[in-house]
């Protein structure tokens, strides 16, 4: 298969790589869409480290992806969970499903977890392998491109749920990146009375305004949305 392999900061190559082998508990998918997360950019520029044993490559990045099932391991096949041709989205967190935190439905805290595209090969390739516990069917009315946004959307949803946004609340979202823009929309959907979006990059702040932000505030001098005293504005 063809894969974009990360070796070290500043070095990624499109190479011929071995196809992933499907184990008894695995599902192999043909990747249809994969997002580029800010963390992927950070790995490339050396601003963050992988979660491989030594924090280095080689590793196929990409943890926001969807695809079509091409091979199903014995366990999920016996359980009738998946079949070739299924449209699916991948949960990058690969957990043991047996430890105490997994039993408490907190697999992100599993001490033996791996993460696709972060500690093991991910979605910047034609094919990718996942434990069947991290594979979820994609509804027919959701495109592969939309499906690839499931992971960041889950992060945004978790945050807004933890905030317990109530109808009429004043909500401030710091950062107009992809997840921040999702949080803005989720807060509005939960009935927030006013949402203020704070950050940099005017083109993103403009997108936030189009998506329903009541106030967009920039911390950059020269921005058309510049606000000298953001805390003061919010306090009012």
Protein backbone atom coordinates (compact mmCIF):
# COMPACT_ATOMS: atom_id res chain seq x y z
CA UNK A 1 0.00 0.00 0.00
CA UNK A 2 0.99 3.65 -0.29
CA UNK A 3 1.46 5.46 2.99
CA UNK A 4 2.67 8.85 4.20
CA UNK A 5 5.22 7.91 6.85
CA UNK A 6 6.50 10.32 9.50
CA UNK A 7 10.15 9.68 10.40
CA UNK A 8 11.25 12.71 12.39
CA UNK A 9 10.41 16.42 12.59
CA UNK A 10 10.51 17.86 9.09
CA UNK A 11 10.70 14.48 7.38
CA UNK A 12 7.69 12.64 5.94
CA UNK A 13 7.72 10.53 2.81
CA UNK A 14 5.10 8.88 0.61
CA UNK A 15 6.34 5.29 0.40
CA UNK A 16 5.33 1.74 -0.41
CA UNK A 17 4.59 0.10 2.95
CA UNK A 18 3.49 -3.41 3.94
CA UNK A 19 -0.26 -3.96 4.07
CA UNK A 20 -1.53 -4.26 7.66
CA UNK A 21 -2.17 -7.84 8.76
CA UNK A 22 -5.62 -8.57 10.17
CA UNK A 23 -5.44 -10.29 13.57
CA UNK A 24 -8.29 -12.25 15.21
CA UNK A 25 -9.70 -9.14 16.91
CA UNK A 26 -8.96 -6.70 14.09
CA UNK A 27 -10.70 -5.00 11.20
CA UNK A 28 -8.78 -3.66 8.19
CA UNK A 29 -10.26 -0.72 6.30
CA UNK A 30 -9.55 1.06 3.06
CA UNK A 31 -9.14 4.67 4.16
CA UNK A 32 -11.54 7.01 2.36
CA UNK A 33 -11.00 10.27 4.25
CA UNK A 34 -8.54 11.40 6.91
CA UNK A 35 -8.27 14.74 8.65
CA UNK A 36 -5.06 16.59 9.46
CA UNK A 37 -5.18 17.47 13.15
CA UNK A 38 -3.22 20.27 14.76
CA UNK A 39 -1.30 17.61 16.66
CA UNK A 40 -0.15 16.09 13.34
CA UNK A 41 1.24 19.49 12.40
CA UNK A 42 2.92 19.73 15.81
CA UNK A 43 4.60 16.34 15.33
CA UNK A 44 5.89 17.41 11.92
CA UNK A 45 7.40 20.64 13.22
CA UNK A 46 8.80 19.02 16.36
CA UNK A 47 6.51 20.85 18.77
CA UNK A 48 5.12 17.63 20.21
CA UNK A 49 6.24 14.02 20.54
CA UNK A 50 4.57 10.82 19.44
CA UNK A 51 3.43 8.27 22.01
CA UNK A 52 5.63 5.55 20.54
CA UNK A 53 8.01 3.90 23.04
CA UNK A 54 10.79 6.38 22.22
CA UNK A 55 8.54 9.24 21.10
CA UNK A 56 9.86 8.99 17.55
CA UNK A 57 8.96 7.58 14.13
CA UNK A 58 8.63 5.86 11.83
CA UNK A 59 4.88 6.04 12.24
CA UNK A 60 1.93 6.56 9.92
CA UNK A 61 0.10 9.56 11.35
CA UNK A 62 -3.63 10.30 11.06
CA UNK A 63 -6.17 9.65 13.81
CA UNK A 64 -9.30 11.24 12.30
CA UNK A 65 -10.44 8.91 9.55
CA UNK A 66 -13.19 6.85 7.98
CA UNK A 67 -13.19 4.07 5.44
CA UNK A 68 -14.61 0.89 3.98
CA UNK A 69 -14.07 -2.50 5.61
CA UNK A 70 -11.96 -4.85 3.48
CA UNK A 71 -11.10 -7.59 5.99
CA UNK A 72 -12.63 -8.80 9.25
CA UNK A 73 -10.88 -10.84 11.95
CA UNK A 74 -12.29 -14.04 13.43
CA UNK A 75 -13.79 -12.47 16.58
CA UNK A 76 -15.82 -9.64 15.01
CA UNK A 77 -16.74 -11.93 12.10
CA UNK A 78 -18.08 -14.59 14.49
CA UNK A 79 -20.01 -11.93 16.39
CA UNK A 80 -21.49 -10.72 13.11
CA UNK A 81 -20.34 -7.16 13.74
CA UNK A 82 -18.77 -6.22 10.42
CA UNK A 83 -18.47 -7.40 6.84
CA UNK A 84 -16.42 -6.26 3.84
CA UNK A 85 -18.04 -3.22 2.28
CA UNK A 86 -19.28 -1.71 5.53
CA UNK A 87 -18.79 2.05 5.80
CA UNK A 88 -17.11 2.80 9.12
CA UNK A 89 -15.41 5.41 11.25
CA UNK A 90 -12.48 4.63 13.53
CA UNK A 91 -11.99 5.47 17.21
CA UNK A 92 -8.24 6.07 17.44
CA UNK A 93 -8.06 5.01 21.10
CA UNK A 94 -7.38 1.27 21.13
CA UNK A 95 -8.09 -0.06 24.62
CA UNK A 96 -7.91 -3.42 26.40
CA UNK A 97 -11.62 -3.56 27.33
CA UNK A 98 -10.71 -5.57 30.44
CA UNK A 99 -9.08 -3.29 33.04
CA UNK A 100 -10.96 -1.38 35.73
CA UNK A 101 -11.03 1.96 33.88
CA UNK A 102 -12.28 0.28 30.71
CA UNK A 103 -15.05 -1.37 32.75
CA UNK A 104 -15.96 2.10 34.03
CA UNK A 105 -16.37 3.25 30.41
CA UNK A 106 -13.21 5.38 30.57
CA UNK A 107 -11.10 3.70 27.88
CA UNK A 108 -9.15 6.91 27.29
CA UNK A 109 -7.50 6.23 30.67
CA UNK A 110 -6.59 2.61 29.89
CA UNK A 111 -2.95 2.12 30.87
CA UNK A 112 -2.36 -0.30 28.03
CA UNK A 113 -4.08 1.77 25.34
CA UNK A 114 -2.55 2.63 22.01
CA UNK A 115 -3.67 5.45 19.72
CA UNK A 116 -3.92 5.10 15.95
CA UNK A 117 -1.71 7.66 14.26
CA UNK A 118 -0.02 8.61 17.53
CA UNK A 119 1.53 5.49 19.03
CA UNK A 120 0.75 3.05 16.22
CA UNK A 121 0.06 3.38 12.50
CA UNK A 122 -2.99 5.43 11.54
CA UNK A 123 -4.91 6.78 8.59
CA UNK A 124 -2.40 8.54 6.32
CA UNK A 125 -2.36 5.39 4.19
CA UNK A 126 -4.47 3.41 1.76
CA UNK A 127 -5.18 0.77 4.42
CA UNK A 128 -5.40 0.87 8.21
CA UNK A 129 -5.94 -1.70 10.94
CA UNK A 130 -7.99 -1.25 14.11
CA UNK A 131 -9.22 -3.39 16.96
CA UNK A 132 -12.87 -4.14 16.29
CA UNK A 133 -13.81 -2.27 19.50
CA UNK A 134 -12.68 0.94 17.80
CA UNK A 135 -14.75 0.47 14.63
CA UNK A 136 -18.21 2.00 14.29
CA UNK A 137 -20.60 1.85 11.36
CA UNK A 138 -21.18 5.09 9.51
CA UNK A 139 -24.80 5.97 8.67
CA UNK A 140 -25.56 6.09 4.95
CA UNK A 141 -26.48 9.77 5.16
CA UNK A 142 -23.03 10.71 6.50
CA UNK A 143 -20.24 11.10 3.94
CA UNK A 144 -16.75 9.75 4.48
CA UNK A 145 -15.47 13.32 4.75
CA UNK A 146 -18.05 14.12 7.42
CA UNK A 147 -17.29 10.83 9.14
CA UNK A 148 -13.63 11.78 9.45
CA UNK A 149 -14.76 14.66 11.68
CA UNK A 150 -16.27 12.27 14.24
CA UNK A 151 -13.21 12.25 16.52
CA UNK A 152 -12.86 16.04 16.89
CA UNK A 153 -16.66 16.33 17.17
CA UNK A 154 -16.56 13.80 20.02
CA UNK A 155 -13.95 15.94 21.80
CA UNK A 156 -16.14 19.03 21.42
CA UNK A 157 -19.27 17.17 22.54
CA UNK A 158 -17.52 15.83 25.64
CA UNK A 159 -16.39 19.33 26.60
CA UNK A 160 -19.82 20.93 26.15
CA UNK A 161 -21.51 18.11 28.07
CA UNK A 162 -19.05 18.56 30.94
CA UNK A 163 -19.80 22.28 30.95
CA UNK A 164 -23.49 21.39 31.33
CA UNK A 165 -24.54 24.30 29.15
CA UNK A 166 -28.10 25.35 29.96
CA UNK A 167 -30.62 27.44 28.00
CA UNK A 168 -29.82 31.11 28.34
CA UNK A 169 -26.22 30.63 29.50
CA UNK A 170 -23.41 32.98 28.45
CA UNK A 171 -20.69 30.79 26.96
CA UNK A 172 -17.16 31.84 26.02
CA UNK A 173 -15.21 29.67 23.58
CA UNK A 174 -11.47 30.34 23.45
CA UNK A 175 -9.92 29.31 20.15
CA UNK A 176 -11.66 29.32 16.74
CA UNK A 177 -10.05 26.13 15.49
CA UNK A 178 -12.09 23.17 14.26
CA UNK A 179 -13.02 21.97 17.74
CA UNK A 180 -13.73 25.49 18.97
CA UNK A 181 -16.11 26.08 16.05
CA UNK A 182 -17.82 22.79 16.83
CA UNK A 183 -18.17 23.77 20.50
CA UNK A 184 -19.74 27.04 19.42
CA UNK A 185 -22.41 25.23 17.41
CA UNK A 186 -23.03 22.65 20.14
CA UNK A 187 -23.44 25.35 22.78
CA UNK A 188 -25.98 27.15 20.59
CA UNK A 189 -27.78 23.87 19.95
CA UNK A 190 -28.10 23.36 23.72
CA UNK A 191 -29.78 26.73 24.01
CA UNK A 192 -26.96 29.03 25.09
CA UNK A 193 -28.27 32.58 25.09
CA UNK A 194 -25.00 34.22 24.08
CA UNK A 195 -21.78 32.71 22.76
CA UNK A 196 -18.59 34.74 22.50
CA UNK A 197 -15.75 33.35 20.39
CA UNK A 198 -12.28 34.58 21.32
CA UNK A 199 -9.02 34.01 19.48
CA UNK A 200 -6.86 34.92 16.52
CA UNK A 201 -7.02 34.44 12.73
CA UNK A 202 -9.78 36.62 11.33
CA UNK A 203 -10.85 34.09 8.70
CA UNK A 204 -11.72 31.64 11.47
CA UNK A 205 -13.46 34.28 13.55
CA UNK A 206 -15.53 35.19 10.48
CA UNK A 207 -16.47 31.51 10.12
CA UNK A 208 -17.49 31.53 13.78
CA UNK A 209 -19.74 34.51 13.19
CA UNK A 210 -21.36 32.74 10.24
CA UNK A 211 -21.88 29.68 12.45
CA UNK A 212 -23.78 31.64 15.07
CA UNK A 213 -21.35 33.36 17.43
CA UNK A 214 -22.96 36.43 18.99
CA UNK A 215 -19.59 38.10 19.61
CA UNK A 216 -16.22 37.47 17.94
CA UNK A 217 -13.22 38.96 19.71
CA UNK A 218 -9.63 38.98 18.51
CA UNK A 219 -6.57 39.40 20.70
CA UNK A 220 -4.48 40.55 17.72
CA UNK A 221 -3.86 44.24 17.14
CA UNK A 222 -4.90 45.18 13.63
CA UNK A 223 -7.73 42.68 13.47
CA UNK A 224 -11.14 44.02 12.54
CA UNK A 225 -12.38 42.12 15.61
CA UNK A 226 -9.66 43.39 17.97
CA UNK A 227 -10.72 43.84 21.58
CA UNK A 228 -8.20 45.47 23.92
CA UNK A 229 -9.81 44.15 27.10
CA UNK A 230 -11.38 40.76 26.44
CA UNK A 231 -11.93 39.88 30.14
CA UNK A 232 -13.54 43.27 30.69
CA UNK A 233 -15.84 42.85 27.69
CA UNK A 234 -16.93 39.42 28.90
CA UNK A 235 -17.46 40.65 32.46
CA UNK A 236 -19.86 43.30 31.20
